Amino acid sequence: MPADFTVYDSSDYGVALDVTLTDASEVAQDISAATAVQFLAESPSTRTLKTWTGGFATDGTDGTARYTLASGDLLVASSAEPGNWTLRVRLTYASSVVTSDEMTLRVLR
C-alpha cells in the first residue's frame, strides 16, 4: 500500500493521487462499502492539516482510492509550502473508521 507521489510545483493541480489500500500481505482490499473517503495531508513546515474529499478510482472493489489535486491544495495561507507532505487515506464505514499508513507527497517548489 505504501505510495509516494511527487508534484513539481505547489501551484500544480489536476494531478490524480491514486492509492491502493492493501492488507499486510499486499493484497488489495475491497473498499466499496466505505461511505466516505478522505485524504489527510499535513504540510512539512507549518504542520497544517488539510482534509480533501476523495472517492474511488473505479468502484472501490479494487481497493483504489483517488483524490485529484485542486487549485490551491498545496498552498498554506496562500503561500507555497514545498517539501515532504505527510499523506494518509481515511475511510469511513457504517460501523468504523480506518486510516492508512503514512505516505509521502513530495512538493519540489
N, C-alpha and C. Protein backbone atom coordinates (compact mmCIF):
# COMPACT_ATOMS: atom_id res chain seq x y z
N MET A 1 0.79 -1.19 0.00
CA MET A 1 0.00 0.00 0.00
C MET A 1 0.84 1.26 0.00
N PRO A 2 2.04 1.24 0.54
CA PRO A 2 2.79 2.49 0.54
C PRO A 2 2.90 3.07 -0.87
N ALA A 3 2.57 4.31 -0.98
CA ALA A 3 2.65 5.02 -2.25
C ALA A 3 3.30 6.36 -1.97
N ASP A 4 4.15 6.78 -2.84
CA ASP A 4 4.76 8.09 -2.72
C ASP A 4 4.50 8.83 -4.02
N PHE A 5 4.29 10.13 -3.91
CA PHE A 5 3.96 10.96 -5.06
C PHE A 5 4.90 12.14 -5.11
N THR A 6 5.14 12.66 -6.31
CA THR A 6 5.93 13.86 -6.47
C THR A 6 5.15 14.84 -7.34
N VAL A 7 5.06 16.07 -6.87
CA VAL A 7 4.45 17.16 -7.61
C VAL A 7 5.53 18.22 -7.78
N TYR A 8 5.69 18.73 -9.00
CA TYR A 8 6.78 19.65 -9.27
C TYR A 8 6.61 20.99 -8.56
N ASP A 9 5.43 21.55 -8.60
CA ASP A 9 5.22 22.90 -8.10
C ASP A 9 3.99 22.95 -7.20
N SER A 10 4.03 23.77 -6.18
CA SER A 10 2.91 23.86 -5.24
C SER A 10 1.65 24.45 -5.87
N SER A 11 1.77 25.03 -7.05
CA SER A 11 0.58 25.55 -7.73
C SER A 11 0.00 24.54 -8.73
N ASP A 12 0.61 23.35 -8.84
CA ASP A 12 0.09 22.32 -9.73
C ASP A 12 -1.27 21.82 -9.24
N TYR A 13 -2.13 21.47 -10.17
CA TYR A 13 -3.42 20.86 -9.83
C TYR A 13 -3.87 20.00 -10.98
N GLY A 14 -4.92 19.19 -10.75
CA GLY A 14 -5.37 18.25 -11.76
C GLY A 14 -4.60 16.95 -11.73
N VAL A 15 -3.73 16.77 -10.76
CA VAL A 15 -2.92 15.56 -10.61
C VAL A 15 -3.69 14.56 -9.75
N ALA A 16 -3.94 13.37 -10.28
CA ALA A 16 -4.67 12.34 -9.53
C ALA A 16 -3.71 11.60 -8.59
N LEU A 17 -4.11 11.52 -7.33
CA LEU A 17 -3.37 10.74 -6.34
C LEU A 17 -4.16 9.46 -6.12
N ASP A 18 -3.68 8.35 -6.67
CA ASP A 18 -4.34 7.05 -6.54
C ASP A 18 -3.60 6.21 -5.52
N VAL A 19 -4.33 5.68 -4.56
CA VAL A 19 -3.75 4.84 -3.50
C VAL A 19 -4.52 3.53 -3.47
N THR A 20 -3.81 2.41 -3.63
CA THR A 20 -4.44 1.10 -3.50
C THR A 20 -4.21 0.61 -2.08
N LEU A 21 -5.29 0.43 -1.35
CA LEU A 21 -5.23 0.01 0.04
C LEU A 21 -5.15 -1.51 0.10
N THR A 22 -4.12 -2.00 0.79
CA THR A 22 -3.85 -3.44 0.84
C THR A 22 -3.77 -3.92 2.28
N ASP A 23 -3.80 -5.25 2.45
CA ASP A 23 -3.59 -5.83 3.77
C ASP A 23 -2.09 -6.07 3.96
N ALA A 24 -1.73 -6.73 5.04
CA ALA A 24 -0.32 -6.97 5.36
C ALA A 24 0.38 -7.83 4.30
N SER A 25 -0.39 -8.61 3.56
CA SER A 25 0.17 -9.46 2.51
C SER A 25 0.19 -8.75 1.15
N GLU A 26 -0.10 -7.45 1.16
CA GLU A 26 -0.11 -6.63 -0.06
C GLU A 26 -1.24 -7.01 -1.03
N VAL A 27 -2.33 -7.58 -0.50
CA VAL A 27 -3.50 -7.92 -1.31
C VAL A 27 -4.47 -6.74 -1.23
N ALA A 28 -4.90 -6.25 -2.39
CA ALA A 28 -5.83 -5.12 -2.44
C ALA A 28 -7.12 -5.48 -1.72
N GLN A 29 -7.63 -4.53 -0.93
CA GLN A 29 -8.85 -4.74 -0.16
C GLN A 29 -10.04 -4.08 -0.83
N ASP A 30 -11.18 -4.71 -0.78
CA ASP A 30 -12.42 -4.14 -1.30
C ASP A 30 -12.87 -3.03 -0.36
N ILE A 31 -12.86 -1.80 -0.83
CA ILE A 31 -13.25 -0.65 0.00
C ILE A 31 -14.59 -0.05 -0.47
N SER A 32 -15.30 -0.78 -1.31
CA SER A 32 -16.52 -0.25 -1.92
C SER A 32 -17.63 0.06 -0.91
N ALA A 33 -17.58 -0.52 0.29
CA ALA A 33 -18.59 -0.24 1.30
C ALA A 33 -18.32 1.05 2.08
N ALA A 34 -17.20 1.69 1.85
CA ALA A 34 -16.89 2.95 2.54
C ALA A 34 -17.89 4.02 2.11
N THR A 35 -18.40 4.75 3.09
CA THR A 35 -19.35 5.82 2.80
C THR A 35 -18.66 7.17 2.60
N ALA A 36 -17.39 7.26 3.00
CA ALA A 36 -16.61 8.49 2.79
C ALA A 36 -15.14 8.12 2.63
N VAL A 37 -14.48 8.84 1.74
CA VAL A 37 -13.04 8.69 1.50
C VAL A 37 -12.42 10.07 1.68
N GLN A 38 -11.47 10.17 2.59
CA GLN A 38 -10.78 11.44 2.81
C GLN A 38 -9.29 11.24 2.68
N PHE A 39 -8.62 12.23 2.14
CA PHE A 39 -7.17 12.26 2.11
C PHE A 39 -6.75 13.32 3.12
N LEU A 40 -5.91 12.92 4.07
CA LEU A 40 -5.43 13.83 5.11
C LEU A 40 -3.99 14.20 4.76
N ALA A 41 -3.75 15.47 4.56
CA ALA A 41 -2.42 15.94 4.13
C ALA A 41 -1.89 16.93 5.17
N GLU A 42 -0.68 16.68 5.63
CA GLU A 42 -0.05 17.57 6.60
C GLU A 42 1.16 18.22 5.96
N SER A 43 1.19 19.55 5.97
CA SER A 43 2.27 20.29 5.33
C SER A 43 3.58 20.09 6.09
N PRO A 44 4.72 20.24 5.41
CA PRO A 44 6.01 19.89 6.03
C PRO A 44 6.49 20.84 7.12
N SER A 45 6.38 22.14 6.94
CA SER A 45 6.98 23.02 7.94
C SER A 45 5.98 23.58 8.94
N THR A 46 4.79 23.95 8.50
CA THR A 46 3.81 24.51 9.45
C THR A 46 2.95 23.43 10.08
N ARG A 47 3.02 22.19 9.58
CA ARG A 47 2.25 21.05 10.08
C ARG A 47 0.74 21.32 9.99
N THR A 48 0.35 22.13 9.01
CA THR A 48 -1.06 22.42 8.78
C THR A 48 -1.72 21.17 8.21
N LEU A 49 -2.86 20.76 8.79
CA LEU A 49 -3.58 19.59 8.32
C LEU A 49 -4.69 20.03 7.37
N LYS A 50 -4.69 19.44 6.19
CA LYS A 50 -5.74 19.69 5.21
C LYS A 50 -6.49 18.38 4.99
N THR A 51 -7.80 18.47 4.83
CA THR A 51 -8.63 17.31 4.57
C THR A 51 -9.28 17.49 3.21
N TRP A 52 -9.02 16.53 2.33
CA TRP A 52 -9.55 16.58 0.97
C TRP A 52 -10.53 15.42 0.80
N THR A 53 -11.68 15.69 0.20
CA THR A 53 -12.67 14.66 -0.04
C THR A 53 -12.33 13.90 -1.31
N GLY A 54 -12.10 12.61 -1.16
CA GLY A 54 -11.76 11.76 -2.29
C GLY A 54 -12.90 10.86 -2.67
N GLY A 55 -12.57 9.84 -3.41
CA GLY A 55 -13.56 8.86 -3.85
C GLY A 55 -12.84 7.61 -4.29
N PHE A 56 -13.50 6.82 -5.10
CA PHE A 56 -12.91 5.59 -5.64
C PHE A 56 -12.38 5.87 -7.04
N ALA A 57 -11.26 5.25 -7.39
CA ALA A 57 -10.73 5.38 -8.75
C ALA A 57 -11.65 4.66 -9.74
N THR A 58 -12.22 3.54 -9.31
CA THR A 58 -13.20 2.80 -10.12
C THR A 58 -14.46 2.65 -9.27
N ASP A 59 -14.72 1.44 -8.79
CA ASP A 59 -15.90 1.22 -7.94
C ASP A 59 -15.52 0.83 -6.51
N GLY A 60 -14.23 0.85 -6.19
CA GLY A 60 -13.77 0.52 -4.85
C GLY A 60 -13.45 -0.94 -4.63
N THR A 61 -13.92 -1.83 -5.49
CA THR A 61 -13.64 -3.25 -5.28
C THR A 61 -12.17 -3.58 -5.49
N ASP A 62 -11.46 -2.73 -6.22
CA ASP A 62 -10.02 -2.94 -6.45
C ASP A 62 -9.16 -2.30 -5.37
N GLY A 63 -9.79 -1.67 -4.37
CA GLY A 63 -9.07 -1.08 -3.25
C GLY A 63 -8.44 0.26 -3.54
N THR A 64 -8.74 0.87 -4.68
CA THR A 64 -8.06 2.11 -5.05
C THR A 64 -8.91 3.35 -4.76
N ALA A 65 -8.36 4.20 -3.88
CA ALA A 65 -8.97 5.49 -3.56
C ALA A 65 -8.26 6.55 -4.39
N ARG A 66 -9.01 7.62 -4.73
CA ARG A 66 -8.43 8.68 -5.57
C ARG A 66 -8.83 10.05 -5.05
N TYR A 67 -7.84 10.94 -5.10
CA TYR A 67 -8.11 12.37 -4.94
C TYR A 67 -7.37 13.09 -6.05
N THR A 68 -8.03 14.04 -6.69
CA THR A 68 -7.39 14.85 -7.72
C THR A 68 -7.13 16.22 -7.14
N LEU A 69 -5.86 16.62 -7.13
CA LEU A 69 -5.49 17.91 -6.55
C LEU A 69 -6.24 19.05 -7.22
N ALA A 70 -6.77 19.94 -6.39
CA ALA A 70 -7.46 21.13 -6.87
C ALA A 70 -6.54 22.34 -6.71
N SER A 71 -6.85 23.39 -7.42
CA SER A 71 -6.06 24.62 -7.34
C SER A 71 -6.00 25.10 -5.89
N GLY A 72 -4.80 25.37 -5.40
CA GLY A 72 -4.60 25.88 -4.05
C GLY A 72 -4.44 24.82 -2.98
N ASP A 73 -4.61 23.55 -3.30
CA ASP A 73 -4.50 22.50 -2.28
C ASP A 73 -3.13 22.46 -1.60
N LEU A 74 -2.09 22.79 -2.33
CA LEU A 74 -0.73 22.68 -1.78
C LEU A 74 -0.19 24.03 -1.30
N LEU A 75 -1.08 24.97 -1.08
CA LEU A 75 -0.71 26.27 -0.52
C LEU A 75 -1.18 26.31 0.93
N VAL A 76 -0.40 27.01 1.77
CA VAL A 76 -0.78 27.21 3.16
C VAL A 76 -0.78 28.71 3.39
N ALA A 77 -1.92 29.24 3.78
CA ALA A 77 -2.08 30.70 3.96
C ALA A 77 -1.64 31.43 2.69
N SER A 78 -2.05 30.90 1.55
CA SER A 78 -1.77 31.46 0.22
C SER A 78 -0.30 31.44 -0.18
N SER A 79 0.51 30.69 0.55
CA SER A 79 1.94 30.60 0.25
C SER A 79 2.33 29.17 -0.09
N ALA A 80 3.35 29.05 -0.94
CA ALA A 80 3.88 27.74 -1.30
C ALA A 80 4.51 27.09 -0.07
N GLU A 81 4.34 25.80 0.03
CA GLU A 81 4.98 25.05 1.11
C GLU A 81 5.61 23.79 0.52
N PRO A 82 6.80 23.97 -0.11
CA PRO A 82 7.47 22.80 -0.68
C PRO A 82 8.03 21.90 0.42
N GLY A 83 8.33 20.68 0.03
CA GLY A 83 8.89 19.71 0.97
C GLY A 83 8.07 18.44 0.96
N ASN A 84 8.29 17.60 1.95
CA ASN A 84 7.60 16.31 2.05
C ASN A 84 6.36 16.44 2.91
N TRP A 85 5.20 16.41 2.25
CA TRP A 85 3.92 16.40 2.94
C TRP A 85 3.64 14.97 3.39
N THR A 86 2.99 14.81 4.54
CA THR A 86 2.55 13.51 5.02
C THR A 86 1.12 13.31 4.52
N LEU A 87 0.85 12.14 3.97
CA LEU A 87 -0.45 11.87 3.38
C LEU A 87 -0.99 10.56 3.93
N ARG A 88 -2.27 10.53 4.31
CA ARG A 88 -2.97 9.33 4.76
C ARG A 88 -4.35 9.30 4.10
N VAL A 89 -4.91 8.11 3.98
CA VAL A 89 -6.27 7.95 3.48
C VAL A 89 -7.12 7.47 4.65
N ARG A 90 -8.28 8.12 4.83
CA ARG A 90 -9.21 7.72 5.89
C ARG A 90 -10.52 7.28 5.25
N LEU A 91 -10.95 6.06 5.59
CA LEU A 91 -12.19 5.50 5.08
C LEU A 91 -13.20 5.42 6.21
N THR A 92 -14.42 5.88 5.93
CA THR A 92 -15.50 5.79 6.91
C THR A 92 -16.48 4.73 6.44
N TYR A 93 -16.76 3.78 7.34
CA TYR A 93 -17.74 2.73 7.09
C TYR A 93 -18.90 2.93 8.06
N ALA A 94 -19.96 2.16 7.91
CA ALA A 94 -21.13 2.28 8.78
C ALA A 94 -20.78 2.12 10.25
N SER A 95 -19.83 1.24 10.56
CA SER A 95 -19.52 0.98 11.98
C SER A 95 -18.06 1.19 12.35
N SER A 96 -17.26 1.80 11.45
CA SER A 96 -15.85 2.01 11.80
C SER A 96 -15.23 3.08 10.91
N VAL A 97 -14.08 3.54 11.35
CA VAL A 97 -13.25 4.46 10.58
C VAL A 97 -11.86 3.85 10.54
N VAL A 98 -11.26 3.78 9.34
CA VAL A 98 -9.95 3.17 9.16
C VAL A 98 -9.03 4.18 8.48
N THR A 99 -7.82 4.34 9.02
CA THR A 99 -6.85 5.28 8.46
C THR A 99 -5.62 4.51 8.01
N SER A 100 -5.12 4.83 6.83
CA SER A 100 -3.97 4.14 6.24
C SER A 100 -2.66 4.52 6.91
N ASP A 101 -1.63 3.81 6.53
CA ASP A 101 -0.27 4.19 6.90
C ASP A 101 0.09 5.50 6.21
N GLU A 102 1.17 6.12 6.66
CA GLU A 102 1.63 7.36 6.06
C GLU A 102 2.27 7.12 4.70
N MET A 103 2.06 8.07 3.82
CA MET A 103 2.72 8.12 2.52
C MET A 103 3.36 9.50 2.42
N THR A 104 4.15 9.71 1.38
CA THR A 104 4.80 10.99 1.18
C THR A 104 4.34 11.62 -0.12
N LEU A 105 4.01 12.88 -0.02
CA LEU A 105 3.71 13.70 -1.18
C LEU A 105 4.80 14.76 -1.27
N ARG A 106 5.73 14.56 -2.19
CA ARG A 106 6.85 15.50 -2.34
C ARG A 106 6.43 16.66 -3.24
N VAL A 107 6.60 17.87 -2.71
CA VAL A 107 6.33 19.08 -3.48
C VAL A 107 7.69 19.75 -3.66
N LEU A 108 8.15 19.81 -4.91
CA LEU A 108 9.52 20.24 -5.15
C LEU A 108 9.76 21.74 -5.02
N ARG A 109 8.75 22.55 -5.37
CA ARG A 109 8.94 24.01 -5.17
C ARG A 109 7.62 24.70 -5.01
